[in-house]
Amino acid sequence: MFWAWEIFCHTHERRELKRTVRQLQRQYKPIIRSFAAKRARNKRCRGMARKLLKAWPALWTFAAHKGVEPTNNHAERALRSAVIYRKLSLGSQSEGGERRIERLLSAHATCRLQRRSLFVYLTELFAAHARGDPVPLLA
């Protein structure tokens, strides 16, 4: 599947991607069905196979819809620094502190994606707040 996606990223031939995905579906669905059957020995394997079959149409959405990728690596990378921070800091001791950290980490991730300085954005934000002006948007 990832090989087919890699080729699509270079060629942009969606018809070829769809054809390859159909072949993969025909090849793998019977295998997954056999693992989902009651006779499968490993209970966890059987459970995972059943979950895969339940989500089967969603697994292939990337082939049919423009802008959908087969992985969530982009989202995982965007959240990585926030997850590490929360793990190392042991969180906050109050609900308000949690909201503040959520907002700061969100602003940090957004500024990084937009190649903006978080420091400059926060400086503009506090200056606008002190003047009573609307806060600058990250959109």
N, C-alpha and C. Protein backbone atom coordinates (compact mmCIF):
# COMPACT_ATOMS: atom_id res chain seq x y z
N MET A 1 0.82 -1.18 0.00
CA MET A 1 0.00 0.00 0.00
C MET A 1 0.88 1.25 0.00
N PHE A 2 1.90 1.28 0.86
CA PHE A 2 2.75 2.46 0.92
C PHE A 2 3.58 2.61 -0.34
N TRP A 3 3.91 1.50 -0.94
CA TRP A 3 4.63 1.54 -2.22
C TRP A 3 3.74 2.20 -3.27
N ALA A 4 2.47 1.82 -3.32
CA ALA A 4 1.52 2.41 -4.28
C ALA A 4 1.36 3.91 -4.01
N TRP A 5 1.32 4.29 -2.74
CA TRP A 5 1.19 5.71 -2.39
C TRP A 5 2.44 6.48 -2.81
N GLU A 6 3.60 5.88 -2.61
CA GLU A 6 4.85 6.52 -3.00
C GLU A 6 4.88 6.79 -4.51
N ILE A 7 4.45 5.82 -5.28
CA ILE A 7 4.40 5.99 -6.73
C ILE A 7 3.41 7.09 -7.09
N PHE A 8 2.26 7.10 -6.44
CA PHE A 8 1.26 8.13 -6.71
C PHE A 8 1.80 9.52 -6.40
N CYS A 9 2.55 9.66 -5.31
CA CYS A 9 3.11 10.97 -4.95
C CYS A 9 4.05 11.51 -6.02
N HIS A 10 4.67 10.61 -6.77
CA HIS A 10 5.59 11.05 -7.83
C HIS A 10 4.88 11.22 -9.17
N THR A 11 3.88 10.39 -9.45
CA THR A 11 3.24 10.42 -10.76
C THR A 11 1.91 11.17 -10.78
N HIS A 12 1.23 11.24 -9.64
CA HIS A 12 -0.11 11.85 -9.53
C HIS A 12 -1.14 11.17 -10.41
N GLU A 13 -0.97 9.89 -10.64
CA GLU A 13 -1.92 9.10 -11.44
C GLU A 13 -2.90 8.40 -10.51
N ARG A 14 -4.01 9.07 -10.21
CA ARG A 14 -4.98 8.50 -9.27
C ARG A 14 -5.61 7.23 -9.81
N ARG A 15 -5.82 7.15 -11.12
CA ARG A 15 -6.41 5.94 -11.71
C ARG A 15 -5.53 4.72 -11.44
N GLU A 16 -4.23 4.90 -11.57
CA GLU A 16 -3.29 3.81 -11.30
C GLU A 16 -3.28 3.45 -9.81
N LEU A 17 -3.37 4.46 -8.96
CA LEU A 17 -3.43 4.21 -7.53
C LEU A 17 -4.68 3.39 -7.19
N LYS A 18 -5.81 3.77 -7.74
CA LYS A 18 -7.05 3.04 -7.47
C LYS A 18 -6.96 1.59 -7.95
N ARG A 19 -6.35 1.39 -9.12
CA ARG A 19 -6.19 0.04 -9.65
C ARG A 19 -5.32 -0.82 -8.73
N THR A 20 -4.23 -0.25 -8.28
CA THR A 20 -3.33 -0.97 -7.39
C THR A 20 -4.01 -1.28 -6.06
N VAL A 21 -4.76 -0.32 -5.55
CA VAL A 21 -5.47 -0.52 -4.28
C VAL A 21 -6.52 -1.62 -4.42
N ARG A 22 -7.23 -1.65 -5.53
CA ARG A 22 -8.21 -2.74 -5.73
C ARG A 22 -7.52 -4.10 -5.72
N GLN A 23 -6.36 -4.19 -6.35
CA GLN A 23 -5.61 -5.45 -6.35
C GLN A 23 -5.21 -5.84 -4.92
N LEU A 24 -4.74 -4.86 -4.16
CA LEU A 24 -4.34 -5.13 -2.78
C LEU A 24 -5.54 -5.57 -1.95
N GLN A 25 -6.68 -4.94 -2.16
CA GLN A 25 -7.89 -5.32 -1.43
C GLN A 25 -8.28 -6.76 -1.73
N ARG A 26 -8.26 -7.11 -3.03
CA ARG A 26 -8.61 -8.49 -3.42
C ARG A 26 -7.62 -9.50 -2.84
N GLN A 27 -6.39 -9.09 -2.71
CA GLN A 27 -5.35 -10.00 -2.20
C GLN A 27 -5.44 -10.17 -0.68
N TYR A 28 -5.65 -9.09 0.05
CA TYR A 28 -5.55 -9.14 1.50
C TYR A 28 -6.85 -9.41 2.24
N LYS A 29 -7.98 -9.07 1.65
CA LYS A 29 -9.24 -9.26 2.38
C LYS A 29 -9.50 -10.73 2.73
N PRO A 30 -9.27 -11.69 1.81
CA PRO A 30 -9.47 -13.09 2.19
C PRO A 30 -8.54 -13.54 3.32
N ILE A 31 -7.34 -13.04 3.33
CA ILE A 31 -6.39 -13.39 4.38
C ILE A 31 -6.89 -12.87 5.73
N ILE A 32 -7.32 -11.62 5.75
CA ILE A 32 -7.81 -11.03 6.99
C ILE A 32 -9.09 -11.73 7.45
N ARG A 33 -9.96 -12.09 6.49
CA ARG A 33 -11.18 -12.83 6.84
C ARG A 33 -10.84 -14.17 7.51
N SER A 34 -9.81 -14.83 7.00
CA SER A 34 -9.44 -16.12 7.60
C SER A 34 -8.95 -15.95 9.04
N PHE A 35 -8.25 -14.85 9.32
CA PHE A 35 -7.80 -14.59 10.69
C PHE A 35 -8.96 -14.16 11.59
N ALA A 36 -10.00 -13.58 11.00
CA ALA A 36 -11.16 -13.14 11.78
C ALA A 36 -12.11 -14.29 12.11
N ALA A 37 -11.94 -15.41 11.43
CA ALA A 37 -12.82 -16.56 11.65
C ALA A 37 -12.64 -17.12 13.06
N LYS A 38 -13.65 -17.79 13.54
CA LYS A 38 -13.62 -18.35 14.90
C LYS A 38 -12.51 -19.37 15.09
N ARG A 39 -12.08 -19.98 14.02
CA ARG A 39 -11.07 -21.02 14.15
C ARG A 39 -9.65 -20.46 14.34
N ALA A 40 -9.49 -19.15 14.19
CA ALA A 40 -8.17 -18.57 14.41
C ALA A 40 -7.74 -18.82 15.85
N ARG A 41 -6.52 -19.26 16.04
CA ARG A 41 -6.05 -19.68 17.36
C ARG A 41 -5.82 -18.50 18.31
N ASN A 42 -5.20 -17.48 17.81
CA ASN A 42 -4.84 -16.36 18.66
C ASN A 42 -6.02 -15.40 18.78
N LYS A 43 -6.49 -15.21 19.99
CA LYS A 43 -7.65 -14.37 20.26
C LYS A 43 -7.39 -12.91 19.88
N ARG A 44 -6.19 -12.40 20.18
CA ARG A 44 -5.85 -11.01 19.84
C ARG A 44 -5.76 -10.81 18.33
N CYS A 45 -5.20 -11.76 17.65
CA CYS A 45 -5.09 -11.70 16.20
C CYS A 45 -6.49 -11.69 15.59
N ARG A 46 -7.37 -12.53 16.11
CA ARG A 46 -8.74 -12.60 15.62
C ARG A 46 -9.45 -11.26 15.85
N GLY A 47 -9.25 -10.68 17.03
CA GLY A 47 -9.86 -9.39 17.34
C GLY A 47 -9.38 -8.28 16.43
N MET A 48 -8.09 -8.26 16.18
CA MET A 48 -7.55 -7.22 15.29
C MET A 48 -8.06 -7.40 13.87
N ALA A 49 -8.12 -8.63 13.40
CA ALA A 49 -8.63 -8.89 12.05
C ALA A 49 -10.08 -8.43 11.93
N ARG A 50 -10.88 -8.66 12.97
CA ARG A 50 -12.27 -8.22 12.93
C ARG A 50 -12.38 -6.70 12.91
N LYS A 51 -11.51 -6.04 13.66
CA LYS A 51 -11.51 -4.57 13.65
C LYS A 51 -11.10 -4.05 12.28
N LEU A 52 -10.13 -4.69 11.66
CA LEU A 52 -9.71 -4.28 10.32
C LEU A 52 -10.86 -4.43 9.32
N LEU A 53 -11.57 -5.52 9.41
CA LEU A 53 -12.71 -5.73 8.50
C LEU A 53 -13.82 -4.71 8.74
N LYS A 54 -14.02 -4.35 9.99
CA LYS A 54 -15.04 -3.36 10.32
C LYS A 54 -14.69 -2.00 9.73
N ALA A 55 -13.41 -1.66 9.74
CA ALA A 55 -12.95 -0.37 9.24
C ALA A 55 -12.47 -0.45 7.79
N TRP A 56 -12.71 -1.56 7.13
CA TRP A 56 -12.17 -1.81 5.79
C TRP A 56 -12.37 -0.65 4.81
N PRO A 57 -13.57 -0.12 4.63
CA PRO A 57 -13.73 0.97 3.65
C PRO A 57 -12.90 2.21 4.01
N ALA A 58 -12.80 2.51 5.29
CA ALA A 58 -12.05 3.70 5.72
C ALA A 58 -10.55 3.54 5.48
N LEU A 59 -10.07 2.32 5.49
CA LEU A 59 -8.64 2.08 5.29
C LEU A 59 -8.16 2.53 3.91
N TRP A 60 -9.07 2.59 2.97
CA TRP A 60 -8.70 2.86 1.58
C TRP A 60 -9.19 4.22 1.10
N THR A 61 -9.62 5.07 2.01
CA THR A 61 -10.15 6.39 1.66
C THR A 61 -9.14 7.21 0.88
N PHE A 62 -7.87 7.07 1.21
CA PHE A 62 -6.83 7.87 0.57
C PHE A 62 -6.79 7.69 -0.95
N ALA A 63 -7.21 6.52 -1.42
CA ALA A 63 -7.16 6.25 -2.86
C ALA A 63 -8.26 6.99 -3.61
N ALA A 64 -9.39 7.21 -2.96
CA ALA A 64 -10.54 7.80 -3.65
C ALA A 64 -10.65 9.30 -3.48
N HIS A 65 -10.11 9.85 -2.40
CA HIS A 65 -10.33 11.26 -2.10
C HIS A 65 -9.03 12.05 -2.11
N LYS A 66 -9.03 13.12 -2.85
CA LYS A 66 -7.87 14.01 -2.93
C LYS A 66 -7.63 14.66 -1.56
N GLY A 67 -6.38 14.76 -1.17
CA GLY A 67 -6.02 15.42 0.08
C GLY A 67 -5.96 14.49 1.28
N VAL A 68 -6.36 13.23 1.12
CA VAL A 68 -6.31 12.27 2.23
C VAL A 68 -5.07 11.41 2.04
N GLU A 69 -4.28 11.30 3.11
CA GLU A 69 -3.07 10.47 3.05
C GLU A 69 -3.31 9.16 3.78
N PRO A 70 -2.54 8.13 3.47
CA PRO A 70 -2.77 6.83 4.11
C PRO A 70 -2.28 6.75 5.55
N THR A 71 -1.53 7.74 6.01
CA THR A 71 -1.03 7.70 7.39
C THR A 71 -1.40 9.00 8.10
N ASN A 72 -1.21 9.00 9.39
CA ASN A 72 -1.41 10.22 10.17
C ASN A 72 -0.07 10.75 10.68
N ASN A 73 0.99 10.49 9.95
CA ASN A 73 2.32 10.91 10.38
C ASN A 73 2.41 12.42 10.60
N HIS A 74 1.75 13.19 9.74
CA HIS A 74 1.79 14.65 9.86
C HIS A 74 1.21 15.08 11.22
N ALA A 75 0.07 14.53 11.56
CA ALA A 75 -0.56 14.86 12.84
C ALA A 75 0.28 14.37 14.01
N GLU A 76 0.86 13.19 13.88
CA GLU A 76 1.71 12.65 14.94
C GLU A 76 2.91 13.56 15.18
N ARG A 77 3.53 14.02 14.11
CA ARG A 77 4.69 14.90 14.26
C ARG A 77 4.29 16.22 14.89
N ALA A 78 3.12 16.75 14.53
CA ALA A 78 2.66 18.02 15.08
C ALA A 78 2.42 17.91 16.58
N LEU A 79 1.98 16.75 17.05
CA LEU A 79 1.67 16.57 18.47
C LEU A 79 2.87 16.12 19.31
N ARG A 80 3.93 15.70 18.66
CA ARG A 80 5.05 15.08 19.37
C ARG A 80 5.62 15.97 20.47
N SER A 81 5.91 17.22 20.17
CA SER A 81 6.52 18.09 21.18
C SER A 81 5.57 18.32 22.35
N ALA A 82 4.27 18.44 22.08
CA ALA A 82 3.30 18.62 23.16
C ALA A 82 3.24 17.39 24.06
N VAL A 83 3.27 16.23 23.47
CA VAL A 83 3.22 14.99 24.25
C VAL A 83 4.47 14.86 25.12
N ILE A 84 5.62 15.16 24.56
CA ILE A 84 6.86 15.09 25.33
C ILE A 84 6.84 16.10 26.47
N TYR A 85 6.38 17.32 26.18
CA TYR A 85 6.31 18.34 27.23
C TYR A 85 5.42 17.88 28.38
N ARG A 86 4.23 17.39 28.05
CA ARG A 86 3.30 16.97 29.09
C ARG A 86 3.85 15.80 29.90
N LYS A 87 4.58 14.92 29.24
CA LYS A 87 5.15 13.77 29.94
C LYS A 87 6.23 14.23 30.92
N LEU A 88 7.09 15.14 30.47
CA LEU A 88 8.20 15.59 31.31
C LEU A 88 7.75 16.53 32.42
N SER A 89 6.71 17.34 32.16
CA SER A 89 6.29 18.33 33.16
C SER A 89 5.32 17.77 34.18
N LEU A 90 4.80 16.58 33.91
CA LEU A 90 3.81 15.92 34.77
C LEU A 90 2.50 16.69 34.83
N GLY A 91 2.25 17.50 33.81
CA GLY A 91 0.96 18.19 33.71
C GLY A 91 0.85 19.38 34.63
N SER A 92 -0.37 19.86 34.79
CA SER A 92 -0.65 21.01 35.64
C SER A 92 -1.49 20.55 36.82
N GLN A 93 -1.56 21.37 37.83
CA GLN A 93 -2.31 21.00 39.02
C GLN A 93 -3.70 21.63 39.07
N SER A 94 -4.07 22.34 38.00
CA SER A 94 -5.39 22.98 37.99
C SER A 94 -6.00 22.91 36.60
N GLU A 95 -7.31 23.06 36.56
CA GLU A 95 -8.03 23.06 35.30
C GLU A 95 -7.60 24.26 34.44
N GLY A 96 -7.46 25.42 35.07
CA GLY A 96 -7.03 26.62 34.34
C GLY A 96 -5.62 26.46 33.77
N GLY A 97 -4.76 25.84 34.55
CA GLY A 97 -3.40 25.58 34.07
C GLY A 97 -3.38 24.65 32.88
N GLU A 98 -4.25 23.64 32.90
CA GLU A 98 -4.35 22.72 31.76
C GLU A 98 -4.81 23.45 30.51
N ARG A 99 -5.82 24.33 30.65
CA ARG A 99 -6.31 25.10 29.48
C ARG A 99 -5.19 26.00 28.93
N ARG A 100 -4.45 26.64 29.83
CA ARG A 100 -3.38 27.54 29.40
C ARG A 100 -2.31 26.76 28.63
N ILE A 101 -1.90 25.62 29.14
CA ILE A 101 -0.89 24.81 28.47
C ILE A 101 -1.40 24.31 27.13
N GLU A 102 -2.67 23.87 27.08
CA GLU A 102 -3.26 23.42 25.81
C GLU A 102 -3.17 24.52 24.76
N ARG A 103 -3.53 25.74 25.15
CA ARG A 103 -3.53 26.86 24.20
C ARG A 103 -2.12 27.23 23.77
N LEU A 104 -1.19 27.23 24.70
CA LEU A 104 0.19 27.56 24.35
C LEU A 104 0.80 26.50 23.42
N LEU A 105 0.54 25.24 23.73
CA LEU A 105 1.08 24.18 22.88
C LEU A 105 0.44 24.21 21.50
N SER A 106 -0.84 24.53 21.43
CA SER A 106 -1.53 24.66 20.14
C SER A 106 -0.95 25.82 19.33
N ALA A 107 -0.73 26.96 20.00
CA ALA A 107 -0.13 28.11 19.33
C ALA A 107 1.28 27.78 18.85
N HIS A 108 2.04 27.06 19.67
CA HIS A 108 3.39 26.66 19.30
C HIS A 108 3.39 25.80 18.04
N ALA A 109 2.51 24.79 18.00
CA ALA A 109 2.44 23.90 16.84
C ALA A 109 2.00 24.67 15.60
N THR A 110 1.02 25.54 15.75
CA THR A 110 0.53 26.31 14.60
C THR A 110 1.60 27.26 14.08
N CYS A 111 2.29 27.96 14.98
CA CYS A 111 3.36 28.86 14.54
C CYS A 111 4.47 28.09 13.83
N ARG A 112 4.79 26.92 14.33
CA ARG A 112 5.83 26.12 13.68
C ARG A 112 5.41 25.72 12.27
N LEU A 113 4.15 25.31 12.10
CA LEU A 113 3.67 24.93 10.77
C LEU A 113 3.63 26.12 9.81
N GLN A 114 3.35 27.29 10.36
CA GLN A 114 3.29 28.50 9.52
C GLN A 114 4.65 29.19 9.39
N ARG A 115 5.66 28.59 10.00
CA ARG A 115 7.02 29.15 10.01
C ARG A 115 7.02 30.58 10.57
N ARG A 116 6.26 30.75 11.65
CA ARG A 116 6.19 32.01 12.36
C ARG A 116 6.91 31.86 13.69
N SER A 117 7.35 32.96 14.22
CA SER A 117 7.99 32.96 15.54
C SER A 117 6.91 32.96 16.61
N LEU A 118 6.96 32.01 17.51
CA LEU A 118 6.01 31.97 18.62
C LEU A 118 6.22 33.19 19.51
N PHE A 119 7.46 33.57 19.72
CA PHE A 119 7.76 34.74 20.54
C PHE A 119 7.12 36.00 19.96
N VAL A 120 7.27 36.20 18.66
CA VAL A 120 6.68 37.38 18.01
C VAL A 120 5.17 37.34 18.11
N TYR A 121 4.58 36.17 17.89
CA TYR A 121 3.12 36.06 17.97
C TYR A 121 2.64 36.38 19.39
N LEU A 122 3.29 35.82 20.40
CA LEU A 122 2.87 36.08 21.78
C LEU A 122 3.07 37.54 22.17
N THR A 123 4.14 38.17 21.67
CA THR A 123 4.38 39.59 21.93
C THR A 123 3.24 40.42 21.34
N GLU A 124 2.85 40.11 20.08
CA GLU A 124 1.74 40.82 19.44
C GLU A 124 0.43 40.58 20.19
N LEU A 125 0.24 39.34 20.65
CA LEU A 125 -0.97 38.97 21.37
C LEU A 125 -1.10 39.78 22.67
N PHE A 126 -0.03 39.83 23.47
CA PHE A 126 -0.07 40.54 24.74
C PHE A 126 -0.20 42.05 24.53
N ALA A 127 0.47 42.57 23.51
CA ALA A 127 0.37 44.00 23.22
C ALA A 127 -1.06 44.36 22.81
N ALA A 128 -1.68 43.55 21.97
CA ALA A 128 -3.06 43.80 21.54
C ALA A 128 -4.01 43.71 22.73
N HIS A 129 -3.79 42.74 23.58
CA HIS A 129 -4.64 42.58 24.77
C HIS A 129 -4.51 43.79 25.70
N ALA A 130 -3.29 44.29 25.89
CA ALA A 130 -3.05 45.45 26.76
C ALA A 130 -3.72 46.70 26.19
N ARG A 131 -3.73 46.84 24.87
CA ARG A 131 -4.37 47.99 24.23
C ARG A 131 -5.89 47.85 24.16
N GLY A 132 -6.39 46.62 24.37
CA GLY A 132 -7.82 46.38 24.24
C GLY A 132 -8.23 46.09 22.81
N ASP A 133 -7.26 45.82 21.93
CA ASP A 133 -7.52 45.50 20.53
C ASP A 133 -7.87 44.00 20.41
N PRO A 134 -8.48 43.63 19.29
CA PRO A 134 -8.70 42.19 19.07
C PRO A 134 -7.36 41.45 18.95
N VAL A 135 -7.32 40.24 19.45
CA VAL A 135 -6.07 39.49 19.43
C VAL A 135 -5.77 39.04 18.01
N PRO A 136 -4.49 38.95 17.64
CA PRO A 136 -4.14 38.48 16.29
C PRO A 136 -4.48 36.99 16.13
N LEU A 137 -4.93 36.64 14.97
CA LEU A 137 -5.33 35.26 14.68
C LEU A 137 -4.16 34.44 14.17
N LEU A 138 -4.24 33.15 14.34
CA LEU A 138 -3.23 32.24 13.82
C LEU A 138 -3.68 31.59 12.52
N ALA A 139 -4.74 32.04 11.94
CA ALA A 139 -5.29 31.42 10.73
C ALA A 139 -4.45 31.61 9.52
